[in-house]
Amino acid sequence: MERPEFAFTGVILQEEPGYTSLCPELDVASQGQTVQQARDALLEAVTLYLETALENNLAGSCIFMNPKRGGQKGRKGHGRRLKAPEEVNRVVVVRPDCCAECGALLLGEDPQPVRHQITELPPVKPEVIEYQQHTITCLACGAQNRGEWPAEIPTGAFGPRVQATVGYLAGRGGMSQREVQEVMGTVLHTEMGLGTVSALEQQVSEALAEPVEEAQFYLREQTANNVDETSWREGTQRTWLWIDTTPEVTVFWILPGRGAEQANNAVA
């Protein structure tokens, strides 16, 4: 039985210092120094995506079935539940002042008003903290006394929450450094250069190195582990995501293969 053919869209955008190419239907993107390089890289990435889907028997669900977006026919809808009064931050009372029929002043209260809730994000404004180190001259002996920096002061220009956010966007969100830079500046109003994004990623990796090593040591000491793998894309490269898990600790590895050597690395 022949598979049906589908046409996918290729979009190429000029972004310094080159071009970004993407396929909106598959959410696959690549890049190149020229239009042709960006096109060829996108074709390679889409091909790898489709090969991986076929290899893992996902083609029917993620490609060829192509279901319509949104709720399907016959699906029962579920509205968002109202939060309890103690979880509400602000109440806006919508109350009529006079009768629409005769104009008389309205008194009294509605014991059961219609309630409608919205959830909104507060305005995001970064907190800039300035540390000022003072030097004071002793009036008794003339010695210069300089205040000591607090132990909790960060060594760089950004605090731990900024560092953690950059690490989350890059690690969990899978964003490129340019995408992280855009989100930090556009959404969180925290401007930073691409070099800073790279440096913060490195700082987060170094901070997590010790707890990750402790987790790996814990798994090696267990008598029974659950180990599995699945295909994983690193840009246009095919790799494999390995998981070693117990009820208490789970560790992930990105390894170049799915053979016995990689399995030993995942559990050793």
C-alpha atoms as a PDB file:
ATOM      1  CA  MET A   1       0.000   0.000   0.000  1.00  0.00           C
ATOM      2  CA  GLU A   2       1.475   3.314  -1.095  1.00  0.00           C
ATOM      3  CA  ARG A   3       1.713   6.119   1.392  1.00  0.00           C
ATOM      4  CA  PRO A   4      -0.022   9.358   0.419  1.00  0.00           C
ATOM      5  CA  GLU A   5       2.183  12.275  -0.504  1.00  0.00           C
ATOM      6  CA  PHE A   6       2.075  15.514   1.467  1.00  0.00           C
ATOM      7  CA  ALA A   7       3.491  18.920   0.692  1.00  0.00           C
ATOM      8  CA  PHE A   8       5.206  20.849   3.483  1.00  0.00           C
ATOM      9  CA  THR A   9       5.951  24.555   3.599  1.00  0.00           C
ATOM     10  CA  GLY A  10       9.500  25.868   3.736  1.00  0.00           C
ATOM     11  CA  VAL A  11      10.067  29.414   5.026  1.00  0.00           C
ATOM     12  CA  ILE A  12      13.451  31.160   4.841  1.00  0.00           C
ATOM     13  CA  LEU A  13      14.088  34.315   6.876  1.00  0.00           C
ATOM     14  CA  GLN A  14      17.151  36.537   6.775  1.00  0.00           C
ATOM     15  CA  GLU A  15      18.632  36.871  10.268  1.00  0.00           C
ATOM     16  CA  GLU A  16      22.142  38.162  10.868  1.00  0.00           C
ATOM     17  CA  PRO A  17      24.617  36.693  10.254  1.00  0.00           C
ATOM     18  CA  GLY A  18      22.775  34.317   7.862  1.00  0.00           C
ATOM     19  CA  TYR A  19      19.400  32.759   7.147  1.00  0.00           C
ATOM     20  CA  THR A  20      16.929  30.756   9.239  1.00  0.00           C
ATOM     21  CA  SER A  21      14.728  28.150   7.551  1.00  0.00           C
ATOM     22  CA  LEU A  22      11.690  26.465   9.069  1.00  0.00           C
ATOM     23  CA  CYS A  23       8.835  24.084   8.303  1.00  0.00           C
ATOM     24  CA  PRO A  24       5.723  25.335  10.198  1.00  0.00           C
ATOM     25  CA  GLU A  25       3.732  22.102   9.822  1.00  0.00           C
ATOM     26  CA  LEU A  26       6.388  19.965  11.529  1.00  0.00           C
ATOM     27  CA  ASP A  27       7.874  22.660  13.788  1.00  0.00           C
ATOM     28  CA  VAL A  28      11.345  21.928  12.367  1.00  0.00           C
ATOM     29  CA  ALA A  29      13.933  24.662  11.867  1.00  0.00           C
ATOM     30  CA  SER A  30      17.519  24.994  10.651  1.00  0.00           C
ATOM     31  CA  GLN A  31      19.895  27.687   9.423  1.00  0.00           C
ATOM     32  CA  GLY A  32      22.643  28.477   6.924  1.00  0.00           C
ATOM     33  CA  GLN A  33      24.994  31.213   5.767  1.00  0.00           C
ATOM     34  CA  THR A  34      23.211  31.475   2.377  1.00  0.00           C
ATOM     35  CA  VAL A  35      19.648  30.874   1.178  1.00  0.00           C
ATOM     36  CA  GLN A  36      20.708  27.643  -0.522  1.00  0.00           C
ATOM     37  CA  GLN A  37      22.510  26.386   2.586  1.00  0.00           C
ATOM     38  CA  ALA A  38      19.466  27.191   4.734  1.00  0.00           C
ATOM     39  CA  ARG A  39      17.217  25.367   2.248  1.00  0.00           C
ATOM     40  CA  ASP A  40      19.458  22.298   2.105  1.00  0.00           C
ATOM     41  CA  ALA A  41      19.786  22.214   5.917  1.00  0.00           C
ATOM     42  CA  LEU A  42      15.995  22.403   6.336  1.00  0.00           C
ATOM     43  CA  LEU A  43      15.501  19.597   3.814  1.00  0.00           C
ATOM     44  CA  GLU A  44      17.977  17.448   5.733  1.00  0.00           C
ATOM     45  CA  ALA A  45      16.282  18.252   9.070  1.00  0.00           C
ATOM     46  CA  VAL A  46      12.792  17.452   7.724  1.00  0.00           C
ATOM     47  CA  THR A  47      14.067  14.214   6.196  1.00  0.00           C
ATOM     48  CA  LEU A  48      15.596  13.204   9.528  1.00  0.00           C
ATOM     49  CA  TYR A  49      12.352  14.100  11.320  1.00  0.00           C
ATOM     50  CA  LEU A  50      10.258  11.941   8.971  1.00  0.00           C
ATOM     51  CA  GLU A  51      12.723   9.031   9.076  1.00  0.00           C
ATOM     52  CA  THR A  52      12.655   9.100  12.871  1.00  0.00           C
ATOM     53  CA  ALA A  53       8.859   9.164  12.899  1.00  0.00           C
ATOM     54  CA  LEU A  54       8.687   6.171  10.559  1.00  0.00           C
ATOM     55  CA  GLU A  55      11.322   4.281  12.530  1.00  0.00           C
ATOM     56  CA  ASN A  56       9.345   4.726  15.757  1.00  0.00           C
ATOM     57  CA  ASN A  57       5.953   3.966  14.173  1.00  0.00           C
ATOM     58  CA  LEU A  58       4.770   7.513  14.826  1.00  0.00           C
ATOM     59  CA  ALA A  59       3.992   8.383  11.231  1.00  0.00           C
ATOM     60  CA  GLY A  60       0.300   7.585  11.449  1.00  0.00           C
ATOM     61  CA  SER A  61      -0.263   9.723  14.525  1.00  0.00           C
ATOM     62  CA  CYS A  62       1.944  12.748  13.869  1.00  0.00           C
ATOM     63  CA  ILE A  63       2.173  12.996  10.056  1.00  0.00           C
ATOM     64  CA  PHE A  64      -0.213  11.079   7.850  1.00  0.00           C
ATOM     65  CA  MET A  65      -3.407  11.323   9.866  1.00  0.00           C
ATOM     66  CA  ASN A  66      -3.084  15.122  10.020  1.00  0.00           C
ATOM     67  CA  PRO A  67      -6.105  15.660  12.341  1.00  0.00           C
ATOM     68  CA  LYS A  68      -7.796  19.021  12.560  1.00  0.00           C
ATOM     69  CA  ARG A  69      -6.646  21.287  15.335  1.00  0.00           C
ATOM     70  CA  GLY A  70      -8.883  21.969  18.327  1.00  0.00           C
ATOM     71  CA  GLY A  71     -11.555  19.878  20.003  1.00  0.00           C
ATOM     72  CA  GLN A  72     -12.887  16.956  17.997  1.00  0.00           C
ATOM     73  CA  LYS A  73     -16.551  16.295  17.265  1.00  0.00           C
ATOM     74  CA  GLY A  74     -18.319  14.548  20.141  1.00  0.00           C
ATOM     75  CA  ARG A  75     -15.685  15.554  22.683  1.00  0.00           C
ATOM     76  CA  LYS A  76     -17.177  16.833  25.923  1.00  0.00           C
ATOM     77  CA  GLY A  77     -15.904  20.270  26.834  1.00  0.00           C
ATOM     78  CA  HIS A  78     -14.608  21.234  30.260  1.00  0.00           C
ATOM     79  CA  GLY A  79     -14.733  24.808  31.517  1.00  0.00           C
ATOM     80  CA  ARG A  80     -12.148  26.321  33.820  1.00  0.00           C
ATOM     81  CA  ARG A  81     -13.147  26.014  37.458  1.00  0.00           C
ATOM     82  CA  LEU A  82     -13.511  29.154  39.540  1.00  0.00           C
ATOM     83  CA  LYS A  83     -10.864  29.643  42.174  1.00  0.00           C
ATOM     84  CA  ALA A  84     -11.825  29.921  45.824  1.00  0.00           C
ATOM     85  CA  PRO A  85     -12.356  33.468  47.186  1.00  0.00           C
ATOM     86  CA  GLU A  86      -9.124  33.304  49.221  1.00  0.00           C
ATOM     87  CA  GLU A  87      -7.183  32.693  45.984  1.00  0.00           C
ATOM     88  CA  VAL A  88      -8.570  35.831  44.323  1.00  0.00           C
ATOM     89  CA  ASN A  89      -6.249  38.850  44.435  1.00  0.00           C
ATOM     90  CA  ARG A  90      -8.683  41.561  43.373  1.00  0.00           C
ATOM     91  CA  VAL A  91     -12.468  41.797  43.042  1.00  0.00           C
ATOM     92  CA  VAL A  92     -14.181  44.210  40.654  1.00  0.00           C
ATOM     93  CA  VAL A  93     -17.839  44.772  41.618  1.00  0.00           C
ATOM     94  CA  VAL A  94     -20.195  45.422  38.694  1.00  0.00           C
ATOM     95  CA  ARG A  95     -23.358  46.780  40.313  1.00  0.00           C
ATOM     96  CA  PRO A  96     -26.243  48.850  38.877  1.00  0.00           C
ATOM     97  CA  ASP A  97     -26.897  52.175  40.666  1.00  0.00           C
ATOM     98  CA  CYS A  98     -30.399  52.925  39.453  1.00  0.00           C
ATOM     99  CA  CYS A  99     -33.354  51.074  37.974  1.00  0.00           C
ATOM    100  CA  ALA A 100     -33.289  50.780  34.194  1.00  0.00           C
ATOM    101  CA  GLU A 101     -37.101  50.992  34.053  1.00  0.00           C
ATOM    102  CA  CYS A 102     -37.999  53.865  36.406  1.00  0.00           C
ATOM    103  CA  GLY A 103     -34.695  55.393  37.378  1.00  0.00           C
ATOM    104  CA  ALA A 104     -35.135  54.833  41.134  1.00  0.00           C
ATOM    105  CA  LEU A 105     -32.032  54.451  43.319  1.00  0.00           C
ATOM    106  CA  LEU A 106     -31.176  50.787  43.875  1.00  0.00           C
ATOM    107  CA  LEU A 107     -30.346  49.546  47.370  1.00  0.00           C
ATOM    108  CA  GLY A 108     -29.394  46.134  48.711  1.00  0.00           C
ATOM    109  CA  GLU A 109     -26.930  43.447  47.731  1.00  0.00           C
ATOM    110  CA  ASP A 110     -26.994  40.421  45.430  1.00  0.00           C
ATOM    111  CA  PRO A 111     -26.187  37.394  47.648  1.00  0.00           C
ATOM    112  CA  GLN A 112     -25.221  35.285  44.612  1.00  0.00           C
ATOM    113  CA  PRO A 113     -23.668  37.503  41.927  1.00  0.00           C
ATOM    114  CA  VAL A 114     -22.543  36.019  38.636  1.00  0.00           C
ATOM    115  CA  ARG A 115     -18.817  35.395  38.942  1.00  0.00           C
ATOM    116  CA  HIS A 116     -16.345  35.629  36.091  1.00  0.00           C
ATOM    117  CA  GLN A 117     -12.601  35.247  36.686  1.00  0.00           C
ATOM    118  CA  ILE A 118      -9.584  36.046  34.569  1.00  0.00           C
ATOM    119  CA  THR A 119      -5.949  35.222  35.291  1.00  0.00           C
ATOM    120  CA  GLU A 120      -3.399  37.863  34.376  1.00  0.00           C
ATOM    121  CA  LEU A 121       0.358  38.114  34.668  1.00  0.00           C
ATOM    122  CA  PRO A 122       1.703  41.032  36.700  1.00  0.00           C
ATOM    123  CA  PRO A 123       3.860  43.585  34.873  1.00  0.00           C
ATOM    124  CA  VAL A 124       7.383  42.224  34.626  1.00  0.00           C
ATOM    125  CA  LYS A 125      10.004  44.696  35.810  1.00  0.00           C
ATOM    126  CA  PRO A 126      13.480  43.397  36.659  1.00  0.00           C
ATOM    127  CA  GLU A 127      14.831  44.359  40.061  1.00  0.00           C
ATOM    128  CA  VAL A 128      18.194  46.118  39.762  1.00  0.00           C
ATOM    129  CA  ILE A 129      20.213  45.843  42.972  1.00  0.00           C
ATOM    130  CA  GLU A 130      23.241  48.083  43.450  1.00  0.00           C
ATOM    131  CA  TYR A 131      25.857  47.160  46.035  1.00  0.00           C
ATOM    132  CA  GLN A 132      27.951  50.078  47.275  1.00  0.00           C
ATOM    133  CA  GLN A 133      31.193  49.304  49.059  1.00  0.00           C
ATOM    134  CA  HIS A 134      32.236  52.167  51.374  1.00  0.00           C
ATOM    135  CA  THR A 135      35.706  52.938  52.696  1.00  0.00           C
ATOM    136  CA  ILE A 136      35.792  54.828  56.002  1.00  0.00           C
ATOM    137  CA  THR A 137      38.844  56.459  57.589  1.00  0.00           C
ATOM    138  CA  CYS A 138      39.312  55.763  61.292  1.00  0.00           C
ATOM    139  CA  LEU A 139      39.400  59.059  63.206  1.00  0.00           C
ATOM    140  CA  ALA A 140      41.555  57.486  65.935  1.00  0.00           C
ATOM    141  CA  CYS A 141      44.416  55.984  63.906  1.00  0.00           C
ATOM    142  CA  GLY A 142      43.740  57.007  60.312  1.00  0.00           C
ATOM    143  CA  ALA A 143      43.401  53.438  59.012  1.00  0.00           C
ATOM    144  CA  GLN A 144      41.275  52.847  55.917  1.00  0.00           C
ATOM    145  CA  ASN A 145      38.414  50.431  56.589  1.00  0.00           C
ATOM    146  CA  ARG A 146      36.551  48.942  53.640  1.00  0.00           C
ATOM    147  CA  GLY A 147      33.191  47.175  53.970  1.00  0.00           C
ATOM    148  CA  GLU A 148      33.079  43.481  53.048  1.00  0.00           C
ATOM    149  CA  TRP A 149      30.868  42.337  50.195  1.00  0.00           C
ATOM    150  CA  PRO A 150      27.954  40.122  51.384  1.00  0.00           C
ATOM    151  CA  ALA A 151      28.533  36.417  50.942  1.00  0.00           C
ATOM    152  CA  GLU A 152      25.347  36.055  48.867  1.00  0.00           C
ATOM    153  CA  ILE A 153      26.318  38.648  46.253  1.00  0.00           C
ATOM    154  CA  PRO A 154      26.524  37.091  42.751  1.00  0.00           C
ATOM    155  CA  THR A 155      29.897  37.199  41.052  1.00  0.00           C
ATOM    156  CA  GLY A 156      28.512  38.390  37.717  1.00  0.00           C
ATOM    157  CA  ALA A 157      25.943  40.930  36.570  1.00  0.00           C
ATOM    158  CA  PHE A 158      22.886  38.661  36.910  1.00  0.00           C
ATOM    159  CA  GLY A 159      21.331  37.011  39.938  1.00  0.00           C
ATOM    160  CA  PRO A 160      20.484  33.343  40.479  1.00  0.00           C
ATOM    161  CA  ARG A 161      16.877  33.645  39.252  1.00  0.00           C
ATOM    162  CA  VAL A 162      18.015  35.120  35.941  1.00  0.00           C
ATOM    163  CA  GLN A 163      20.613  32.365  35.607  1.00  0.00           C
ATOM    164  CA  ALA A 164      18.032  29.687  36.398  1.00  0.00           C
ATOM    165  CA  THR A 165      15.574  31.121  33.868  1.00  0.00           C
ATOM    166  CA  VAL A 166      18.190  31.122  31.111  1.00  0.00           C
ATOM    167  CA  GLY A 167      19.103  27.538  31.993  1.00  0.00           C
ATOM    168  CA  TYR A 168      15.439  26.473  31.934  1.00  0.00           C
ATOM    169  CA  LEU A 169      14.705  28.099  28.571  1.00  0.00           C
ATOM    170  CA  ALA A 170      17.789  26.563  26.970  1.00  0.00           C
ATOM    171  CA  GLY A 171      17.698  23.162  28.677  1.00  0.00           C
ATOM    172  CA  ARG A 172      14.033  22.362  29.183  1.00  0.00           C
ATOM    173  CA  GLY A 173      12.664  24.627  26.451  1.00  0.00           C
ATOM    174  CA  GLY A 174      15.298  23.622  23.902  1.00  0.00           C
ATOM    175  CA  MET A 175      15.709  27.222  22.745  1.00  0.00           C
ATOM    176  CA  SER A 176      18.687  28.492  20.830  1.00  0.00           C
ATOM    177  CA  GLN A 177      20.802  31.208  22.408  1.00  0.00           C
ATOM    178  CA  ARG A 178      19.215  33.789  20.112  1.00  0.00           C
ATOM    179  CA  GLU A 179      15.727  32.631  21.144  1.00  0.00           C
ATOM    180  CA  VAL A 180      16.683  32.798  24.822  1.00  0.00           C
ATOM    181  CA  GLN A 181      17.997  36.312  24.263  1.00  0.00           C
ATOM    182  CA  GLU A 182      14.695  37.304  22.623  1.00  0.00           C
ATOM    183  CA  VAL A 183      12.492  35.888  25.400  1.00  0.00           C
ATOM    184  CA  MET A 184      14.605  37.434  28.149  1.00  0.00           C
ATOM    185  CA  GLY A 185      14.455  40.843  26.475  1.00  0.00           C
ATOM    186  CA  THR A 186      10.901  40.837  25.072  1.00  0.00           C
ATOM    187  CA  VAL A 187       8.997  38.984  27.791  1.00  0.00           C
ATOM    188  CA  LEU A 188      11.115  39.548  30.893  1.00  0.00           C
ATOM    189  CA  HIS A 189      12.623  42.935  29.912  1.00  0.00           C
ATOM    190  CA  THR A 190      16.115  41.738  30.799  1.00  0.00           C
ATOM    191  CA  GLU A 191      18.485  42.653  27.983  1.00  0.00           C
ATOM    192  CA  MET A 192      21.612  40.568  27.462  1.00  0.00           C
ATOM    193  CA  GLY A 193      23.993  39.699  24.651  1.00  0.00           C
ATOM    194  CA  LEU A 194      24.444  36.294  23.056  1.00  0.00           C
ATOM    195  CA  GLY A 195      27.815  35.949  24.786  1.00  0.00           C
ATOM    196  CA  THR A 196      26.111  36.518  28.136  1.00  0.00           C
ATOM    197  CA  VAL A 197      23.516  33.839  27.359  1.00  0.00           C
ATOM    198  CA  SER A 198      26.314  31.379  26.609  1.00  0.00           C
ATOM    199  CA  ALA A 199      28.169  32.319  29.820  1.00  0.00           C
ATOM    200  CA  LEU A 200      25.035  31.925  31.947  1.00  0.00           C
ATOM    201  CA  GLU A 201      24.332  28.521  30.401  1.00  0.00           C
ATOM    202  CA  GLN A 202      27.845  27.469  31.376  1.00  0.00           C
ATOM    203  CA  GLN A 203      27.368  28.758  34.931  1.00  0.00           C
ATOM    204  CA  VAL A 204      24.135  26.782  35.292  1.00  0.00           C
ATOM    205  CA  SER A 205      25.838  23.644  33.959  1.00  0.00           C
ATOM    206  CA  GLU A 206      28.659  24.042  36.466  1.00  0.00           C
ATOM    207  CA  ALA A 207      26.175  24.610  39.304  1.00  0.00           C
ATOM    208  CA  LEU A 208      24.276  21.438  38.378  1.00  0.00           C
ATOM    209  CA  ALA A 209      27.354  19.262  37.881  1.00  0.00           C
ATOM    210  CA  GLU A 210      27.584  18.154  41.523  1.00  0.00           C
ATOM    211  CA  PRO A 211      23.892  17.237  42.052  1.00  0.00           C
ATOM    212  CA  VAL A 212      23.853  15.405  38.702  1.00  0.00           C
ATOM    213  CA  GLU A 213      26.920  13.430  39.757  1.00  0.00           C
ATOM    214  CA  GLU A 214      25.215  12.579  43.055  1.00  0.00           C
ATOM    215  CA  ALA A 215      22.132  11.352  41.165  1.00  0.00           C
ATOM    216  CA  GLN A 216      24.278   9.189  38.883  1.00  0.00           C
ATOM    217  CA  PHE A 217      26.103   7.718  41.879  1.00  0.00           C
ATOM    218  CA  TYR A 218      22.769   6.932  43.550  1.00  0.00           C
ATOM    219  CA  LEU A 219      21.552   5.065  40.450  1.00  0.00           C
ATOM    220  CA  ARG A 220      24.748   3.028  40.220  1.00  0.00           C
ATOM    221  CA  GLU A 221      24.183   1.804  43.789  1.00  0.00           C
ATOM    222  CA  GLN A 222      20.668   0.495  43.087  1.00  0.00           C
ATOM    223  CA  THR A 223      19.961  -3.195  42.486  1.00  0.00           C
ATOM    224  CA  ALA A 224      17.088  -2.594  40.039  1.00  0.00           C
ATOM    225  CA  ASN A 225      16.843   0.224  37.502  1.00  0.00           C
ATOM    226  CA  ASN A 226      14.446   0.903  34.635  1.00  0.00           C
ATOM    227  CA  VAL A 227      16.380   1.863  31.482  1.00  0.00           C
ATOM    228  CA  ASP A 228      14.932   2.900  28.129  1.00  0.00           C
ATOM    229  CA  GLU A 229      15.808   5.010  25.095  1.00  0.00           C
ATOM    230  CA  THR A 230      14.160   6.936  22.287  1.00  0.00           C
ATOM    231  CA  SER A 231      15.355   8.886  19.283  1.00  0.00           C
ATOM    232  CA  TRP A 232      16.376  12.487  19.882  1.00  0.00           C
ATOM    233  CA  ARG A 233      17.312  15.326  17.539  1.00  0.00           C
ATOM    234  CA  GLU A 234      20.252  17.609  18.246  1.00  0.00           C
ATOM    235  CA  GLY A 235      19.919  20.125  15.418  1.00  0.00           C
ATOM    236  CA  THR A 236      20.237  17.977  12.302  1.00  0.00           C
ATOM    237  CA  GLN A 237      22.101  15.191  14.124  1.00  0.00           C
ATOM    238  CA  ARG A 238      20.371  11.983  15.154  1.00  0.00           C
ATOM    239  CA  THR A 239      21.094  11.021  18.751  1.00  0.00           C
ATOM    240  CA  TRP A 240      19.336   8.975  21.417  1.00  0.00           C
ATOM    241  CA  LEU A 241      17.811  10.066  24.691  1.00  0.00           C
ATOM    242  CA  TRP A 242      18.465   7.458  27.397  1.00  0.00           C
ATOM    243  CA  ILE A 243      16.649   7.344  30.718  1.00  0.00           C
ATOM    244  CA  ASP A 244      17.694   5.535  33.886  1.00  0.00           C
ATOM    245  CA  THR A 245      15.019   5.777  36.551  1.00  0.00           C
ATOM    246  CA  THR A 246      14.042   4.556  39.996  1.00  0.00           C
ATOM    247  CA  PRO A 247      11.075   5.663  42.153  1.00  0.00           C
ATOM    248  CA  GLU A 248      13.270   8.352  43.761  1.00  0.00           C
ATOM    249  CA  VAL A 249      15.753   9.507  41.073  1.00  0.00           C
ATOM    250  CA  THR A 250      15.744   9.802  37.280  1.00  0.00           C
ATOM    251  CA  VAL A 251      18.732  10.698  35.076  1.00  0.00           C
ATOM    252  CA  PHE A 252      18.731  11.428  31.337  1.00  0.00           C
ATOM    253  CA  TRP A 253      21.625  11.062  28.888  1.00  0.00           C
ATOM    254  CA  ILE A 254      21.944  12.138  25.262  1.00  0.00           C
ATOM    255  CA  LEU A 255      24.153   9.515  23.599  1.00  0.00           C
ATOM    256  CA  PRO A 256      25.168   8.905  19.966  1.00  0.00           C
ATOM    257  CA  GLY A 257      23.643   5.412  19.701  1.00  0.00           C
ATOM    258  CA  ARG A 258      21.257   2.838  21.103  1.00  0.00           C
ATOM    259  CA  GLY A 259      23.531  -0.190  21.327  1.00  0.00           C
ATOM    260  CA  ALA A 260      25.035  -2.167  24.199  1.00  0.00           C
ATOM    261  CA  GLU A 261      27.874   0.337  24.670  1.00  0.00           C
ATOM    262  CA  GLN A 262      25.458   3.199  25.230  1.00  0.00           C
ATOM    263  CA  ALA A 263      23.291   1.034  27.485  1.00  0.00           C
ATOM    264  CA  ASN A 264      26.318   0.315  29.659  1.00  0.00           C
ATOM    265  CA  ASN A 265      27.116   4.030  29.802  1.00  0.00           C
ATOM    266  CA  ALA A 266      23.568   4.763  30.930  1.00  0.00           C
ATOM    267  CA  VAL A 267      23.706   2.372  33.880  1.00  0.00           C
ATOM    268  CA  ALA A 268      27.441   2.312  34.736  1.00  0.00           C
END
